[in-house]
């Protein structure tokens, strides 16, 4: 069952996604259109974190880019290249504070 995002969650996600993909920005590519990735770190199998605990990622860095590019195509490799979900979540929180 999927939970419906509250207005506060929608505003938070909108602010983060509006800044563009955090990986693209960190690589110096500038802001690129992004979508919301719920972090998996610290969650049970097949579970995702709540709506405040996520990252803004472009489709390539989120799900389309293949191994080493998309987090869903190989999280460990992705994190070795771009940082852990928790590190990028900390960066997101600092930027939006």
C-alpha atoms as a PDB file:
ATOM      1  CA  UNK A   1       0.000   0.000   0.000  1.00  0.00           C
ATOM      2  CA  UNK A   2       1.388   3.407  -0.989  1.00  0.00           C
ATOM      3  CA  UNK A   3       0.949   6.309   1.383  1.00  0.00           C
ATOM      4  CA  UNK A   4      -0.253   9.655   0.102  1.00  0.00           C
ATOM      5  CA  UNK A   5       2.262  12.470   0.550  1.00  0.00           C
ATOM      6  CA  UNK A   6       1.269  15.265   2.895  1.00  0.00           C
ATOM      7  CA  UNK A   7       1.406  18.890   1.728  1.00  0.00           C
ATOM      8  CA  UNK A   8       4.654  19.378   3.673  1.00  0.00           C
ATOM      9  CA  UNK A   9       6.188  16.321   1.984  1.00  0.00           C
ATOM     10  CA  UNK A  10       5.058  17.534  -1.435  1.00  0.00           C
ATOM     11  CA  UNK A  11       6.672  20.946  -0.808  1.00  0.00           C
ATOM     12  CA  UNK A  12       9.936  19.307   0.362  1.00  0.00           C
ATOM     13  CA  UNK A  13      10.081  16.990  -2.650  1.00  0.00           C
ATOM     14  CA  UNK A  14       9.199  19.854  -4.999  1.00  0.00           C
ATOM     15  CA  UNK A  15      11.989  22.010  -3.582  1.00  0.00           C
ATOM     16  CA  UNK A  16      14.555  19.234  -3.897  1.00  0.00           C
ATOM     17  CA  UNK A  17      13.491  18.119  -7.368  1.00  0.00           C
ATOM     18  CA  UNK A  18      13.405  21.748  -8.474  1.00  0.00           C
ATOM     19  CA  UNK A  19      17.146  21.994  -7.787  1.00  0.00           C
ATOM     20  CA  UNK A  20      17.791  19.174 -10.276  1.00  0.00           C
ATOM     21  CA  UNK A  21      19.739  15.945  -9.983  1.00  0.00           C
ATOM     22  CA  UNK A  22      22.109  16.049  -7.016  1.00  0.00           C
ATOM     23  CA  UNK A  23      24.631  13.801  -8.792  1.00  0.00           C
ATOM     24  CA  UNK A  24      24.671  15.919 -11.962  1.00  0.00           C
ATOM     25  CA  UNK A  25      25.157  19.062  -9.867  1.00  0.00           C
ATOM     26  CA  UNK A  26      27.974  17.452  -7.857  1.00  0.00           C
ATOM     27  CA  UNK A  27      29.682  16.417 -11.109  1.00  0.00           C
ATOM     28  CA  UNK A  28      29.512  20.007 -12.367  1.00  0.00           C
ATOM     29  CA  UNK A  29      26.892  19.361 -15.058  1.00  0.00           C
ATOM     30  CA  UNK A  30      24.453  21.829 -13.527  1.00  0.00           C
ATOM     31  CA  UNK A  31      20.833  21.174 -12.728  1.00  0.00           C
ATOM     32  CA  UNK A  32      19.089  18.540 -14.829  1.00  0.00           C
ATOM     33  CA  UNK A  33      15.420  17.518 -14.692  1.00  0.00           C
ATOM     34  CA  UNK A  34      14.960  15.206 -11.731  1.00  0.00           C
ATOM     35  CA  UNK A  35      12.603  12.739 -10.120  1.00  0.00           C
ATOM     36  CA  UNK A  36      12.354  11.562  -6.518  1.00  0.00           C
ATOM     37  CA  UNK A  37      14.318   8.546  -5.259  1.00  0.00           C
ATOM     38  CA  UNK A  38      13.341   7.199  -1.824  1.00  0.00           C
ATOM     39  CA  UNK A  39      16.490   6.030  -0.077  1.00  0.00           C
ATOM     40  CA  UNK A  40      16.790   2.349   0.831  1.00  0.00           C
ATOM     41  CA  UNK A  41      19.552   2.681   3.439  1.00  0.00           C
ATOM     42  CA  UNK A  42      18.305   1.468   6.816  1.00  0.00           C
ATOM     43  CA  UNK A  43      15.046   0.112   5.408  1.00  0.00           C
ATOM     44  CA  UNK A  44      13.905  -3.487   5.425  1.00  0.00           C
ATOM     45  CA  UNK A  45      13.926  -5.686   2.355  1.00  0.00           C
ATOM     46  CA  UNK A  46      11.711  -4.307  -0.420  1.00  0.00           C
ATOM     47  CA  UNK A  47      10.867  -1.243   1.671  1.00  0.00           C
ATOM     48  CA  UNK A  48      11.587   2.392   1.030  1.00  0.00           C
ATOM     49  CA  UNK A  49      11.988   5.350   3.337  1.00  0.00           C
ATOM     50  CA  UNK A  50       9.335   7.982   3.946  1.00  0.00           C
ATOM     51  CA  UNK A  51       8.798  10.903   1.601  1.00  0.00           C
ATOM     52  CA  UNK A  52      11.193  13.249   3.432  1.00  0.00           C
ATOM     53  CA  UNK A  53      14.054  10.774   3.041  1.00  0.00           C
ATOM     54  CA  UNK A  54      14.950  10.923  -0.611  1.00  0.00           C
ATOM     55  CA  UNK A  55      17.173  12.321  -3.301  1.00  0.00           C
ATOM     56  CA  UNK A  56      16.481  14.233  -6.490  1.00  0.00           C
ATOM     57  CA  UNK A  57      17.982  12.218  -9.333  1.00  0.00           C
ATOM     58  CA  UNK A  58      17.718  12.534 -13.103  1.00  0.00           C
ATOM     59  CA  UNK A  59      16.244   9.479 -14.846  1.00  0.00           C
ATOM     60  CA  UNK A  60      19.744   8.278 -15.847  1.00  0.00           C
ATOM     61  CA  UNK A  61      21.161   8.439 -12.318  1.00  0.00           C
ATOM     62  CA  UNK A  62      17.934   7.028 -10.897  1.00  0.00           C
ATOM     63  CA  UNK A  63      16.789   4.124 -13.087  1.00  0.00           C
ATOM     64  CA  UNK A  64      17.755   4.320 -16.773  1.00  0.00           C
ATOM     65  CA  UNK A  65      21.541   4.642 -16.891  1.00  0.00           C
ATOM     66  CA  UNK A  66      22.605   1.048 -16.408  1.00  0.00           C
ATOM     67  CA  UNK A  67      25.257  -0.339 -14.089  1.00  0.00           C
ATOM     68  CA  UNK A  68      27.538   2.315 -12.629  1.00  0.00           C
ATOM     69  CA  UNK A  69      25.198   5.114 -13.667  1.00  0.00           C
ATOM     70  CA  UNK A  70      21.734   4.317 -12.245  1.00  0.00           C
ATOM     71  CA  UNK A  71      21.326   3.610  -8.542  1.00  0.00           C
ATOM     72  CA  UNK A  72      18.719   0.928  -9.262  1.00  0.00           C
ATOM     73  CA  UNK A  73      21.150  -0.870 -11.611  1.00  0.00           C
ATOM     74  CA  UNK A  74      23.796  -1.423  -8.951  1.00  0.00           C
ATOM     75  CA  UNK A  75      23.703   0.556  -5.743  1.00  0.00           C
ATOM     76  CA  UNK A  76      27.170  -0.372  -4.399  1.00  0.00           C
ATOM     77  CA  UNK A  77      28.941   0.670  -7.612  1.00  0.00           C
ATOM     78  CA  UNK A  78      26.796   3.803  -7.808  1.00  0.00           C
ATOM     79  CA  UNK A  79      27.654   4.773  -4.222  1.00  0.00           C
ATOM     80  CA  UNK A  80      31.382   4.193  -4.850  1.00  0.00           C
ATOM     81  CA  UNK A  81      31.171   6.668  -7.738  1.00  0.00           C
ATOM     82  CA  UNK A  82      28.779   9.313  -6.418  1.00  0.00           C
ATOM     83  CA  UNK A  83      28.511   8.931  -2.614  1.00  0.00           C
ATOM     84  CA  UNK A  84      26.223   7.057  -0.292  1.00  0.00           C
ATOM     85  CA  UNK A  85      22.516   7.697  -0.091  1.00  0.00           C
ATOM     86  CA  UNK A  86      22.984   8.991   3.465  1.00  0.00           C
ATOM     87  CA  UNK A  87      25.783  11.385   2.470  1.00  0.00           C
ATOM     88  CA  UNK A  88      23.685  12.760  -0.392  1.00  0.00           C
ATOM     89  CA  UNK A  89      20.647  12.951   1.900  1.00  0.00           C
ATOM     90  CA  UNK A  90      22.713  15.028   4.361  1.00  0.00           C
ATOM     91  CA  UNK A  91      23.722  17.314   1.488  1.00  0.00           C
ATOM     92  CA  UNK A  92      20.083  17.647   0.414  1.00  0.00           C
ATOM     93  CA  UNK A  93      18.963  18.549   3.939  1.00  0.00           C
ATOM     94  CA  UNK A  94      21.751  21.153   4.263  1.00  0.00           C
ATOM     95  CA  UNK A  95      20.891  22.711   0.915  1.00  0.00           C
ATOM     96  CA  UNK A  96      17.185  22.922   1.668  1.00  0.00           C
ATOM     97  CA  UNK A  97      17.510  24.120   5.276  1.00  0.00           C
END
